[in-house]
Amino acid sequence: MARRQSSSPSMGAVAVAAGVSKSTVSHVVNKTRPVAPETEQAVLTAMARLGYVGPGHTGSDPDAMTIGIAMSAMTNPYFGTVVQAMDRRAILDGYSLVLADPHDDPANEVRAMTDLLRRGVSGVILAPSADPSAALAYARHNAVPVVLIDRLLPLGLDQVGSENVEATAALVAHLAGHGHRRFCFVSPRPGLTTTQERWDGFRLGLQRHGCAPEVPVLDGLDSERLAVQLRTALDGPDAPTAVVSGNNQATIELMKACRRLGLSIPGDLAVAVFDDFEWADIFHPRLTAMAQGTSAIGAQSIELLTRRLSDPGTPARTVRIEASLVIRESCGCD
């Protein structure tokens, strides 16, 4: 495997590029003192652009038998189940995992990448933020192989995730089969490719079933705002009778909002959601959900990375795992 560049830019060079003092760079790198967020962002961006690796970083080591995982597994139940599958497969291949949580923030993503590389990981599996360019540039500069997971991008990298478009269209089809023609959509975090693909699938489902394309799009990040938006939609002249939620976090906020408004499901509003997480079978009523193949996605990400480590010149692969519809009571099914 190609090794990282033999000489790393100095801390002083990073300071010049970021327009800060060398001591400020040291505080960001070593976490010895809090730094203003905008200053920290400037330093991290300069580090990524210059390829600064910091003290104690030995570079990617294909023999280290350690894989770095950069994803928001601590705050997203979906990623938690994926990591469990990754760990099972990694153990079989003789690897251990090191987890860093970038909280879906580009600046934290760079920090997570630098922390993982300082540990000398063999490679990194990344669930990219809305703008992963700095973190990916940093990994590329240091010749560290990266596999993208869940949120796929046209970058010529190995990557694995769910098929989102047809899967979301199938949720609309299921609701349309119950006679629903007026919908709303609870959107996950904007800017992510999964959010866009599921929105595209939702729109495709509306088109196939002759539903109006202009629908309320609700904020899936905050239940209070979502409740206000949902109440407005339900009080309007073309009130929706069904809702599709774009991921598990948006679903949790939706259920909070419905409880806040005193809405009955499926009596007042039929619900179908993307992601079949543990709580989907505990909510009352139990939620009809599109289940992602978390075990297959986790295992495939490890397989792609270990293949890349053993054969760096192999063509990049994009793997889409089919999701499956789990029918429960939230759409009116018995």
C-alpha atoms as a PDB file:
ATOM      1  CA  MET A   1       0.000   0.000   0.000  1.00  0.00           C
ATOM      2  CA  ALA A   2       1.180   3.541  -0.732  1.00  0.00           C
ATOM      3  CA  ARG A   3       2.535   5.224   2.383  1.00  0.00           C
ATOM      4  CA  ARG A   4       1.753   8.724   3.479  1.00  0.00           C
ATOM      5  CA  GLN A   5       4.012  11.553   2.451  1.00  0.00           C
ATOM      6  CA  SER A   6       7.284  11.393   4.395  1.00  0.00           C
ATOM      7  CA  SER A   7       7.306  15.006   5.553  1.00  0.00           C
ATOM      8  CA  SER A   8       4.389  16.661   7.270  1.00  0.00           C
ATOM      9  CA  PRO A   9       3.930  20.435   7.309  1.00  0.00           C
ATOM     10  CA  SER A  10       5.025  22.069  10.562  1.00  0.00           C
ATOM     11  CA  MET A  11       2.707  23.455  13.209  1.00  0.00           C
ATOM     12  CA  GLY A  12       4.004  26.878  12.210  1.00  0.00           C
ATOM     13  CA  ALA A  13       2.895  26.343   8.620  1.00  0.00           C
ATOM     14  CA  VAL A  14      -0.590  25.471   9.852  1.00  0.00           C
ATOM     15  CA  ALA A  15      -0.605  28.621  11.992  1.00  0.00           C
ATOM     16  CA  VAL A  16       0.281  30.790   8.989  1.00  0.00           C
ATOM     17  CA  ALA A  17      -2.355  29.146   6.801  1.00  0.00           C
ATOM     18  CA  ALA A  18      -5.029  29.573   9.483  1.00  0.00           C
ATOM     19  CA  GLY A  19      -3.986  33.112  10.407  1.00  0.00           C
ATOM     20  CA  VAL A  20      -3.455  32.243  14.081  1.00  0.00           C
ATOM     21  CA  SER A  21      -0.546  31.775  16.467  1.00  0.00           C
ATOM     22  CA  LYS A  22       1.428  28.570  16.759  1.00  0.00           C
ATOM     23  CA  SER A  23       0.227  28.216  20.355  1.00  0.00           C
ATOM     24  CA  THR A  24      -3.378  28.319  19.167  1.00  0.00           C
ATOM     25  CA  VAL A  25      -2.674  25.471  16.751  1.00  0.00           C
ATOM     26  CA  SER A  26      -1.095  23.558  19.639  1.00  0.00           C
ATOM     27  CA  HIS A  27      -4.215  24.044  21.779  1.00  0.00           C
ATOM     28  CA  VAL A  28      -6.441  22.737  18.964  1.00  0.00           C
ATOM     29  CA  VAL A  29      -4.194  19.743  18.258  1.00  0.00           C
ATOM     30  CA  ASN A  30      -3.552  18.777  21.868  1.00  0.00           C
ATOM     31  CA  LYS A  31      -6.907  19.937  23.338  1.00  0.00           C
ATOM     32  CA  THR A  32      -5.079  21.812  26.115  1.00  0.00           C
ATOM     33  CA  ARG A  33      -7.310  24.889  26.121  1.00  0.00           C
ATOM     34  CA  PRO A  34     -10.729  25.802  24.672  1.00  0.00           C
ATOM     35  CA  VAL A  35     -10.542  27.709  21.390  1.00  0.00           C
ATOM     36  CA  ALA A  36     -13.307  29.778  19.790  1.00  0.00           C
ATOM     37  CA  PRO A  37     -15.316  27.597  17.370  1.00  0.00           C
ATOM     38  CA  GLU A  38     -14.535  29.754  14.325  1.00  0.00           C
ATOM     39  CA  THR A  39     -10.811  29.713  15.171  1.00  0.00           C
ATOM     40  CA  GLU A  40     -10.835  25.958  15.701  1.00  0.00           C
ATOM     41  CA  GLN A  41     -12.571  25.534  12.342  1.00  0.00           C
ATOM     42  CA  ALA A  42      -9.884  27.619  10.621  1.00  0.00           C
ATOM     43  CA  VAL A  43      -7.122  25.522  12.197  1.00  0.00           C
ATOM     44  CA  LEU A  44      -8.781  22.206  11.334  1.00  0.00           C
ATOM     45  CA  THR A  45      -9.382  23.348   7.758  1.00  0.00           C
ATOM     46  CA  ALA A  46      -5.739  24.372   7.420  1.00  0.00           C
ATOM     47  CA  MET A  47      -4.615  21.046   8.880  1.00  0.00           C
ATOM     48  CA  ALA A  48      -6.739  19.150   6.378  1.00  0.00           C
ATOM     49  CA  ARG A  49      -5.618  21.281   3.420  1.00  0.00           C
ATOM     50  CA  LEU A  50      -1.920  20.991   4.268  1.00  0.00           C
ATOM     51  CA  GLY A  51      -2.037  17.391   5.405  1.00  0.00           C
ATOM     52  CA  TYR A  52      -0.711  18.142   8.887  1.00  0.00           C
ATOM     53  CA  VAL A  53      -0.703  14.950  10.924  1.00  0.00           C
ATOM     54  CA  GLY A  54       0.441  16.200  14.315  1.00  0.00           C
ATOM     55  CA  PRO A  55       2.737  14.656  16.894  1.00  0.00           C
ATOM     56  CA  GLY A  56       2.706  10.944  17.453  1.00  0.00           C
ATOM     57  CA  HIS A  57       1.011  10.078  14.171  1.00  0.00           C
ATOM     58  CA  THR A  58       2.606   7.106  12.485  1.00  0.00           C
ATOM     59  CA  GLY A  59       0.447   7.045   9.368  1.00  0.00           C
ATOM     60  CA  SER A  60      -1.806   4.328   8.057  1.00  0.00           C
ATOM     61  CA  ASP A  61      -0.457   0.888   8.902  1.00  0.00           C
ATOM     62  CA  PRO A  62      -2.077  -1.979   6.977  1.00  0.00           C
ATOM     63  CA  ASP A  63      -0.567  -4.398   9.498  1.00  0.00           C
ATOM     64  CA  ALA A  64      -2.049  -2.642  12.550  1.00  0.00           C
ATOM     65  CA  MET A  65      -5.245  -4.743  12.315  1.00  0.00           C
ATOM     66  CA  THR A  66      -7.248  -1.762  13.600  1.00  0.00           C
ATOM     67  CA  ILE A  67     -10.092  -0.073  11.711  1.00  0.00           C
ATOM     68  CA  GLY A  68     -11.242   3.451  12.498  1.00  0.00           C
ATOM     69  CA  ILE A  69     -14.988   4.137  12.490  1.00  0.00           C
ATOM     70  CA  ALA A  70     -16.169   7.752  12.119  1.00  0.00           C
ATOM     71  CA  MET A  71     -19.943   7.925  12.533  1.00  0.00           C
ATOM     72  CA  SER A  72     -22.541   9.289  14.938  1.00  0.00           C
ATOM     73  CA  ALA A  73     -23.202   5.934  16.554  1.00  0.00           C
ATOM     74  CA  MET A  74     -23.719   7.402  20.019  1.00  0.00           C
ATOM     75  CA  THR A  75     -26.665   9.579  18.980  1.00  0.00           C
ATOM     76  CA  ASN A  76     -28.222   7.555  16.144  1.00  0.00           C
ATOM     77  CA  PRO A  77     -29.682   4.112  16.987  1.00  0.00           C
ATOM     78  CA  TYR A  78     -29.323   3.013  13.356  1.00  0.00           C
ATOM     79  CA  PHE A  79     -25.559   3.479  13.407  1.00  0.00           C
ATOM     80  CA  GLY A  80     -25.354   1.671  16.735  1.00  0.00           C
ATOM     81  CA  THR A  81     -26.784  -1.493  15.179  1.00  0.00           C
ATOM     82  CA  VAL A  82     -24.496  -1.115  12.155  1.00  0.00           C
ATOM     83  CA  VAL A  83     -21.424  -0.879  14.396  1.00  0.00           C
ATOM     84  CA  GLN A  84     -22.450  -4.101  16.146  1.00  0.00           C
ATOM     85  CA  ALA A  85     -22.510  -5.857  12.764  1.00  0.00           C
ATOM     86  CA  MET A  86     -19.168  -4.297  11.828  1.00  0.00           C
ATOM     87  CA  ASP A  87     -17.611  -5.521  15.054  1.00  0.00           C
ATOM     88  CA  ARG A  88     -18.823  -9.088  14.502  1.00  0.00           C
ATOM     89  CA  ARG A  89     -17.330  -9.168  11.004  1.00  0.00           C
ATOM     90  CA  ALA A  90     -14.112  -7.394  12.047  1.00  0.00           C
ATOM     91  CA  ILE A  91     -13.467  -9.983  14.773  1.00  0.00           C
ATOM     92  CA  LEU A  92     -13.757 -12.774  12.208  1.00  0.00           C
ATOM     93  CA  ASP A  93     -11.151 -11.005  10.059  1.00  0.00           C
ATOM     94  CA  GLY A  94      -8.830 -10.400  13.016  1.00  0.00           C
ATOM     95  CA  TYR A  95      -9.426  -6.646  13.265  1.00  0.00           C
ATOM     96  CA  SER A  96     -10.450  -4.438  16.166  1.00  0.00           C
ATOM     97  CA  LEU A  97     -12.459  -1.208  15.886  1.00  0.00           C
ATOM     98  CA  VAL A  98     -11.765   2.295  17.165  1.00  0.00           C
ATOM     99  CA  LEU A  99     -14.821   4.586  17.180  1.00  0.00           C
ATOM    100  CA  ALA A 100     -14.913   8.373  16.835  1.00  0.00           C
ATOM    101  CA  ASP A 101     -18.203  10.308  16.797  1.00  0.00           C
ATOM    102  CA  PRO A 102     -18.123  13.419  14.538  1.00  0.00           C
ATOM    103  CA  HIS A 103     -21.749  14.356  15.395  1.00  0.00           C
ATOM    104  CA  ASP A 104     -22.468  14.944  11.673  1.00  0.00           C
ATOM    105  CA  ASP A 105     -20.421  18.167  11.831  1.00  0.00           C
ATOM    106  CA  PRO A 106     -17.686  18.825   9.223  1.00  0.00           C
ATOM    107  CA  ALA A 107     -15.292  20.384  11.778  1.00  0.00           C
ATOM    108  CA  ASN A 108     -15.722  17.484  14.200  1.00  0.00           C
ATOM    109  CA  GLU A 109     -15.326  15.156  11.234  1.00  0.00           C
ATOM    110  CA  VAL A 110     -11.819  16.503  10.593  1.00  0.00           C
ATOM    111  CA  ARG A 111     -10.975  16.146  14.275  1.00  0.00           C
ATOM    112  CA  ALA A 112     -12.312  12.568  14.294  1.00  0.00           C
ATOM    113  CA  MET A 113     -10.227  11.723  11.231  1.00  0.00           C
ATOM    114  CA  THR A 114      -7.046  13.191  12.725  1.00  0.00           C
ATOM    115  CA  ASP A 115      -7.627  11.382  16.024  1.00  0.00           C
ATOM    116  CA  LEU A 116      -8.096   8.071  14.243  1.00  0.00           C
ATOM    117  CA  LEU A 117      -5.009   8.564  12.081  1.00  0.00           C
ATOM    118  CA  ARG A 118      -2.894   9.385  15.129  1.00  0.00           C
ATOM    119  CA  ARG A 119      -3.806   5.941  16.425  1.00  0.00           C
ATOM    120  CA  GLY A 120      -2.282   4.427  13.302  1.00  0.00           C
ATOM    121  CA  VAL A 121      -5.470   2.750  12.060  1.00  0.00           C
ATOM    122  CA  SER A 122      -5.234   0.638   8.928  1.00  0.00           C
ATOM    123  CA  GLY A 123      -8.163   2.462   7.319  1.00  0.00           C
ATOM    124  CA  VAL A 124     -11.351   4.377   8.104  1.00  0.00           C
ATOM    125  CA  ILE A 125     -15.053   3.720   7.557  1.00  0.00           C
ATOM    126  CA  LEU A 126     -16.841   7.070   7.410  1.00  0.00           C
ATOM    127  CA  ALA A 127     -20.513   8.039   7.498  1.00  0.00           C
ATOM    128  CA  PRO A 128     -19.954  11.423   5.841  1.00  0.00           C
ATOM    129  CA  SER A 129     -21.430  14.717   6.964  1.00  0.00           C
ATOM    130  CA  ALA A 130     -23.071  17.136   4.548  1.00  0.00           C
ATOM    131  CA  ASP A 131     -19.571  18.389   3.619  1.00  0.00           C
ATOM    132  CA  PRO A 132     -16.880  15.738   4.166  1.00  0.00           C
ATOM    133  CA  SER A 133     -14.384  17.326   1.762  1.00  0.00           C
ATOM    134  CA  ALA A 134     -11.856  18.417   4.414  1.00  0.00           C
ATOM    135  CA  ALA A 135     -11.827  15.066   6.199  1.00  0.00           C
ATOM    136  CA  LEU A 136     -11.514  13.157   2.925  1.00  0.00           C
ATOM    137  CA  ALA A 137      -8.723  15.443   1.729  1.00  0.00           C
ATOM    138  CA  TYR A 138      -6.865  14.806   4.962  1.00  0.00           C
ATOM    139  CA  ALA A 139      -7.198  11.033   4.570  1.00  0.00           C
ATOM    140  CA  ARG A 140      -6.191  11.186   0.898  1.00  0.00           C
ATOM    141  CA  HIS A 141      -3.105  13.293   1.675  1.00  0.00           C
ATOM    142  CA  ASN A 142      -2.008  10.665   4.185  1.00  0.00           C
ATOM    143  CA  ALA A 143      -2.793   7.689   1.914  1.00  0.00           C
ATOM    144  CA  VAL A 144      -5.373   6.276   4.311  1.00  0.00           C
ATOM    145  CA  PRO A 145      -8.060   4.162   2.608  1.00  0.00           C
ATOM    146  CA  VAL A 146     -11.639   5.266   3.344  1.00  0.00           C
ATOM    147  CA  VAL A 147     -14.910   3.413   2.852  1.00  0.00           C
ATOM    148  CA  LEU A 148     -18.103   5.475   2.906  1.00  0.00           C
ATOM    149  CA  ILE A 149     -21.118   4.009   4.640  1.00  0.00           C
ATOM    150  CA  ASP A 150     -24.830   4.914   4.520  1.00  0.00           C
ATOM    151  CA  ARG A 151     -24.458   8.324   2.806  1.00  0.00           C
ATOM    152  CA  LEU A 152     -23.035   7.595  -0.618  1.00  0.00           C
ATOM    153  CA  LEU A 153     -21.262  10.118  -2.839  1.00  0.00           C
ATOM    154  CA  PRO A 154     -20.005  10.175  -6.466  1.00  0.00           C
ATOM    155  CA  LEU A 155     -16.345  10.225  -5.444  1.00  0.00           C
ATOM    156  CA  GLY A 156     -14.861   6.993  -6.772  1.00  0.00           C
ATOM    157  CA  LEU A 157     -14.551   5.502  -3.273  1.00  0.00           C
ATOM    158  CA  ASP A 158     -15.645   2.140  -1.931  1.00  0.00           C
ATOM    159  CA  GLN A 159     -19.035   2.631  -0.317  1.00  0.00           C
ATOM    160  CA  VAL A 160     -22.061   0.738   0.946  1.00  0.00           C
ATOM    161  CA  GLY A 161     -25.565   1.805   1.935  1.00  0.00           C
ATOM    162  CA  SER A 162     -29.254   1.123   1.512  1.00  0.00           C
ATOM    163  CA  GLU A 163     -31.254   1.505  -1.665  1.00  0.00           C
ATOM    164  CA  ASN A 164     -33.311   4.541  -0.651  1.00  0.00           C
ATOM    165  CA  VAL A 165     -35.340   5.754  -3.620  1.00  0.00           C
ATOM    166  CA  GLU A 166     -37.505   2.732  -4.422  1.00  0.00           C
ATOM    167  CA  ALA A 167     -37.712   1.852  -0.727  1.00  0.00           C
ATOM    168  CA  THR A 168     -39.261   5.218   0.148  1.00  0.00           C
ATOM    169  CA  ALA A 169     -41.536   5.060  -2.892  1.00  0.00           C
ATOM    170  CA  ALA A 170     -42.752   1.717  -1.514  1.00  0.00           C
ATOM    171  CA  LEU A 171     -43.793   3.404   1.745  1.00  0.00           C
ATOM    172  CA  VAL A 172     -45.938   5.821  -0.252  1.00  0.00           C
ATOM    173  CA  ALA A 173     -47.359   2.923  -2.258  1.00  0.00           C
ATOM    174  CA  HIS A 174     -48.342   1.099   0.919  1.00  0.00           C
ATOM    175  CA  LEU A 175     -50.149   4.154   2.260  1.00  0.00           C
ATOM    176  CA  ALA A 176     -51.779   4.798  -1.112  1.00  0.00           C
ATOM    177  CA  GLY A 177     -53.047   1.237  -0.970  1.00  0.00           C
ATOM    178  CA  HIS A 178     -55.041   2.292   2.082  1.00  0.00           C
ATOM    179  CA  GLY A 179     -56.631   5.102   0.053  1.00  0.00           C
ATOM    180  CA  HIS A 180     -54.398   7.984   1.119  1.00  0.00           C
ATOM    181  CA  ARG A 181     -53.720  10.716  -1.444  1.00  0.00           C
ATOM    182  CA  ARG A 182     -52.701  13.680   0.733  1.00  0.00           C
ATOM    183  CA  PHE A 183     -49.287  13.329   2.358  1.00  0.00           C
ATOM    184  CA  CYS A 184     -46.617  15.149   4.315  1.00  0.00           C
ATOM    185  CA  PHE A 185     -42.946  14.282   4.756  1.00  0.00           C
ATOM    186  CA  VAL A 186     -40.867  14.477   7.941  1.00  0.00           C
ATOM    187  CA  SER A 187     -37.384  15.334   6.766  1.00  0.00           C
ATOM    188  CA  PRO A 188     -34.149  14.149   8.390  1.00  0.00           C
ATOM    189  CA  ARG A 189     -31.054  16.361   8.592  1.00  0.00           C
ATOM    190  CA  PRO A 190     -30.744  18.452   5.385  1.00  0.00           C
ATOM    191  CA  GLY A 191     -27.707  18.177   3.139  1.00  0.00           C
ATOM    192  CA  LEU A 192     -27.178  14.434   3.564  1.00  0.00           C
ATOM    193  CA  THR A 193     -27.429  12.202   0.508  1.00  0.00           C
ATOM    194  CA  THR A 194     -29.767   9.812   2.332  1.00  0.00           C
ATOM    195  CA  THR A 195     -32.162  12.697   3.007  1.00  0.00           C
ATOM    196  CA  GLN A 196     -32.157  13.702  -0.668  1.00  0.00           C
ATOM    197  CA  GLU A 197     -32.588  10.136  -1.919  1.00  0.00           C
ATOM    198  CA  ARG A 198     -35.517   9.452   0.397  1.00  0.00           C
ATOM    199  CA  TRP A 199     -37.129  12.742  -0.603  1.00  0.00           C
ATOM    200  CA  ASP A 200     -36.681  11.735  -4.258  1.00  0.00           C
ATOM    201  CA  GLY A 201     -38.275   8.361  -3.501  1.00  0.00           C
ATOM    202  CA  PHE A 202     -41.159  10.015  -1.686  1.00  0.00           C
ATOM    203  CA  ARG A 203     -41.796  12.286  -4.663  1.00  0.00           C
ATOM    204  CA  LEU A 204     -41.566   9.312  -7.012  1.00  0.00           C
ATOM    205  CA  GLY A 205     -44.208   7.492  -4.983  1.00  0.00           C
ATOM    206  CA  LEU A 206     -46.520  10.516  -5.114  1.00  0.00           C
ATOM    207  CA  GLN A 207     -46.119  10.721  -8.888  1.00  0.00           C
ATOM    208  CA  ARG A 208     -46.854   7.031  -9.408  1.00  0.00           C
ATOM    209  CA  HIS A 209     -50.096   7.242  -7.443  1.00  0.00           C
ATOM    210  CA  GLY A 210     -51.394  10.513  -8.815  1.00  0.00           C
ATOM    211  CA  CYS A 211     -50.890  12.488  -5.614  1.00  0.00           C
ATOM    212  CA  ALA A 212     -50.300  16.228  -5.505  1.00  0.00           C
ATOM    213  CA  PRO A 213     -46.545  16.932  -5.551  1.00  0.00           C
ATOM    214  CA  GLU A 214     -46.797  20.024  -3.315  1.00  0.00           C
ATOM    215  CA  VAL A 215     -46.708  18.626   0.210  1.00  0.00           C
ATOM    216  CA  PRO A 216     -45.785  19.989   3.659  1.00  0.00           C
ATOM    217  CA  VAL A 217     -42.175  19.174   4.586  1.00  0.00           C
ATOM    218  CA  LEU A 218     -41.815  19.020   8.361  1.00  0.00           C
ATOM    219  CA  ASP A 219     -38.720  19.532  10.513  1.00  0.00           C
ATOM    220  CA  GLY A 220     -37.571  16.122  11.719  1.00  0.00           C
ATOM    221  CA  LEU A 221     -34.913  17.544  14.060  1.00  0.00           C
ATOM    222  CA  ASP A 222     -37.139  19.249  16.638  1.00  0.00           C
ATOM    223  CA  SER A 223     -40.493  17.975  17.912  1.00  0.00           C
ATOM    224  CA  GLU A 224     -41.734  21.408  19.017  1.00  0.00           C
ATOM    225  CA  ARG A 225     -41.250  22.980  15.579  1.00  0.00           C
ATOM    226  CA  LEU A 226     -42.578  19.830  13.964  1.00  0.00           C
ATOM    227  CA  ALA A 227     -45.757  19.992  16.095  1.00  0.00           C
ATOM    228  CA  VAL A 228     -46.405  23.596  15.010  1.00  0.00           C
ATOM    229  CA  GLN A 229     -45.837  22.718  11.352  1.00  0.00           C
ATOM    230  CA  LEU A 230     -48.012  19.612  11.572  1.00  0.00           C
ATOM    231  CA  ARG A 231     -50.857  21.499  13.262  1.00  0.00           C
ATOM    232  CA  THR A 232     -50.726  24.135  10.496  1.00  0.00           C
ATOM    233  CA  ALA A 233     -50.823  21.432   7.813  1.00  0.00           C
ATOM    234  CA  LEU A 234     -53.731  19.614   9.451  1.00  0.00           C
ATOM    235  CA  ASP A 235     -55.713  22.848   9.778  1.00  0.00           C
ATOM    236  CA  GLY A 236     -55.198  23.695   6.098  1.00  0.00           C
ATOM    237  CA  PRO A 237     -57.653  23.129   3.226  1.00  0.00           C
ATOM    238  CA  ASP A 238     -55.783  20.055   1.922  1.00  0.00           C
ATOM    239  CA  ALA A 239     -54.933  18.457   5.235  1.00  0.00           C
ATOM    240  CA  PRO A 240     -52.689  15.402   4.920  1.00  0.00           C
ATOM    241  CA  THR A 241     -54.066  12.069   6.034  1.00  0.00           C
ATOM    242  CA  ALA A 242     -50.724  10.226   5.928  1.00  0.00           C
ATOM    243  CA  VAL A 243     -47.102  10.967   6.751  1.00  0.00           C
ATOM    244  CA  VAL A 244     -43.802   9.388   5.748  1.00  0.00           C
ATOM    245  CA  SER A 245     -40.824   9.863   8.063  1.00  0.00           C
ATOM    246  CA  GLY A 246     -37.327   9.882   6.560  1.00  0.00           C
ATOM    247  CA  ASN A 247     -35.310   8.166   9.318  1.00  0.00           C
ATOM    248  CA  ASN A 248     -35.501   6.902  12.894  1.00  0.00           C
ATOM    249  CA  GLN A 249     -34.555  10.200  14.520  1.00  0.00           C
ATOM    250  CA  ALA A 250     -37.237  12.035  12.530  1.00  0.00           C
ATOM    251  CA  THR A 251     -39.711   9.319  13.542  1.00  0.00           C
ATOM    252  CA  ILE A 252     -39.021   9.845  17.244  1.00  0.00           C
ATOM    253  CA  GLU A 253     -39.596  13.585  16.849  1.00  0.00           C
ATOM    254  CA  LEU A 254     -42.788  12.876  14.882  1.00  0.00           C
ATOM    255  CA  MET A 255     -44.165  10.631  17.610  1.00  0.00           C
ATOM    256  CA  LYS A 256     -43.402  13.287  20.229  1.00  0.00           C
ATOM    257  CA  ALA A 257     -45.204  15.885  18.116  1.00  0.00           C
ATOM    258  CA  CYS A 258     -48.258  13.650  17.636  1.00  0.00           C
ATOM    259  CA  ARG A 259     -48.437  13.046  21.374  1.00  0.00           C
ATOM    260  CA  ARG A 260     -48.119  16.786  21.998  1.00  0.00           C
ATOM    261  CA  LEU A 261     -51.050  17.428  19.612  1.00  0.00           C
ATOM    262  CA  GLY A 262     -53.152  14.560  20.946  1.00  0.00           C
ATOM    263  CA  LEU A 263     -53.314  12.886  17.527  1.00  0.00           C
ATOM    264  CA  SER A 264     -54.461   9.301  17.139  1.00  0.00           C
ATOM    265  CA  ILE A 265     -52.434   7.015  14.859  1.00  0.00           C
ATOM    266  CA  PRO A 266     -53.697   5.773  12.450  1.00  0.00           C
ATOM    267  CA  GLY A 267     -57.084   7.347  13.165  1.00  0.00           C
ATOM    268  CA  ASP A 268     -56.056  10.986  12.684  1.00  0.00           C
ATOM    269  CA  LEU A 269     -52.893  10.331  10.703  1.00  0.00           C
ATOM    270  CA  ALA A 270     -51.475   7.189   9.111  1.00  0.00           C
ATOM    271  CA  VAL A 271     -47.726   6.790   9.599  1.00  0.00           C
ATOM    272  CA  ALA A 272     -45.040   4.855   7.684  1.00  0.00           C
ATOM    273  CA  VAL A 273     -41.368   5.340   8.494  1.00  0.00           C
ATOM    274  CA  PHE A 274     -37.907   4.690   7.113  1.00  0.00           C
ATOM    275  CA  ASP A 275     -35.750   2.648   9.547  1.00  0.00           C
ATOM    276  CA  ASP A 276     -37.037  -0.257  11.582  1.00  0.00           C
ATOM    277  CA  PHE A 277     -35.417   0.316  14.955  1.00  0.00           C
ATOM    278  CA  GLU A 278     -36.184  -1.457  18.228  1.00  0.00           C
ATOM    279  CA  TRP A 279     -38.681   1.142  19.429  1.00  0.00           C
ATOM    280  CA  ALA A 280     -40.746   0.845  16.233  1.00  0.00           C
ATOM    281  CA  ASP A 281     -42.172  -2.395  17.601  1.00  0.00           C
ATOM    282  CA  ILE A 282     -42.780  -0.848  21.044  1.00  0.00           C
ATOM    283  CA  PHE A 283     -44.651   2.344  20.080  1.00  0.00           C
ATOM    284  CA  HIS A 284     -48.424   2.180  20.228  1.00  0.00           C
ATOM    285  CA  PRO A 285     -49.490   1.539  17.611  1.00  0.00           C
ATOM    286  CA  ARG A 286     -46.546  -0.468  16.338  1.00  0.00           C
ATOM    287  CA  LEU A 287     -44.968   1.321  13.385  1.00  0.00           C
ATOM    288  CA  THR A 288     -44.962   0.178   9.792  1.00  0.00           C
ATOM    289  CA  ALA A 289     -41.326   0.620   8.769  1.00  0.00           C
ATOM    290  CA  MET A 290     -38.820   0.148   5.965  1.00  0.00           C
ATOM    291  CA  ALA A 291     -36.112  -2.018   7.538  1.00  0.00           C
ATOM    292  CA  GLN A 292     -32.551  -1.458   6.413  1.00  0.00           C
ATOM    293  CA  GLY A 293     -30.204  -4.426   6.179  1.00  0.00           C
ATOM    294  CA  THR A 294     -27.965  -3.250   9.005  1.00  0.00           C
ATOM    295  CA  SER A 295     -26.109  -6.540   9.401  1.00  0.00           C
ATOM    296  CA  ALA A 296     -25.339  -6.721   5.686  1.00  0.00           C
ATOM    297  CA  ILE A 297     -24.316  -3.042   5.531  1.00  0.00           C
ATOM    298  CA  GLY A 298     -21.981  -3.338   8.512  1.00  0.00           C
ATOM    299  CA  ALA A 299     -20.370  -6.554   7.331  1.00  0.00           C
ATOM    300  CA  GLN A 300     -20.006  -5.285   3.757  1.00  0.00           C
ATOM    301  CA  SER A 301     -18.226  -2.118   4.904  1.00  0.00           C
ATOM    302  CA  ILE A 302     -15.572  -4.215   6.671  1.00  0.00           C
ATOM    303  CA  GLU A 303     -15.238  -6.470   3.632  1.00  0.00           C
ATOM    304  CA  LEU A 304     -14.734  -3.485   1.311  1.00  0.00           C
ATOM    305  CA  LEU A 305     -12.043  -1.997   3.538  1.00  0.00           C
ATOM    306  CA  THR A 306     -10.112  -5.221   4.095  1.00  0.00           C
ATOM    307  CA  ARG A 307     -10.223  -5.877   0.354  1.00  0.00           C
ATOM    308  CA  ARG A 308      -8.836  -2.376  -0.257  1.00  0.00           C
ATOM    309  CA  LEU A 309      -6.054  -2.975   2.278  1.00  0.00           C
ATOM    310  CA  SER A 310      -5.019  -6.252   0.652  1.00  0.00           C
ATOM    311  CA  ASP A 311      -5.321  -4.939  -2.924  1.00  0.00           C
ATOM    312  CA  PRO A 312      -5.019  -1.118  -3.091  1.00  0.00           C
ATOM    313  CA  GLY A 313      -5.369  -1.066  -6.878  1.00  0.00           C
ATOM    314  CA  THR A 314      -8.711  -2.855  -7.061  1.00  0.00           C
ATOM    315  CA  PRO A 315     -11.540  -0.837  -8.673  1.00  0.00           C
ATOM    316  CA  ALA A 316     -13.829   1.017  -6.267  1.00  0.00           C
ATOM    317  CA  ARG A 317     -17.189  -0.607  -5.575  1.00  0.00           C
ATOM    318  CA  THR A 318     -20.569   0.842  -4.633  1.00  0.00           C
ATOM    319  CA  VAL A 319     -22.875  -1.661  -2.924  1.00  0.00           C
ATOM    320  CA  ARG A 320     -26.572  -0.994  -2.396  1.00  0.00           C
ATOM    321  CA  ILE A 321     -28.407  -3.212   0.098  1.00  0.00           C
ATOM    322  CA  GLU A 322     -32.145  -3.680  -0.429  1.00  0.00           C
ATOM    323  CA  ALA A 323     -34.489  -2.646   2.378  1.00  0.00           C
ATOM    324  CA  SER A 324     -37.646  -4.563   3.295  1.00  0.00           C
ATOM    325  CA  LEU A 325     -41.099  -3.387   4.351  1.00  0.00           C
ATOM    326  CA  VAL A 326     -42.278  -4.464   7.803  1.00  0.00           C
ATOM    327  CA  ILE A 327     -46.057  -4.006   8.049  1.00  0.00           C
ATOM    328  CA  ARG A 328     -47.571  -3.227  11.439  1.00  0.00           C
ATOM    329  CA  GLU A 329     -50.561  -1.184  12.660  1.00  0.00           C
ATOM    330  CA  SER A 330     -49.639   2.503  12.144  1.00  0.00           C
ATOM    331  CA  CYS A 331     -51.081   2.609   8.608  1.00  0.00           C
ATOM    332  CA  GLY A 332     -54.343   0.937   9.556  1.00  0.00           C
ATOM    333  CA  CYS A 333     -53.257  -2.636   8.866  1.00  0.00           C
ATOM    334  CA  ASP A 334     -54.645  -5.286  11.189  1.00  0.00           C
END
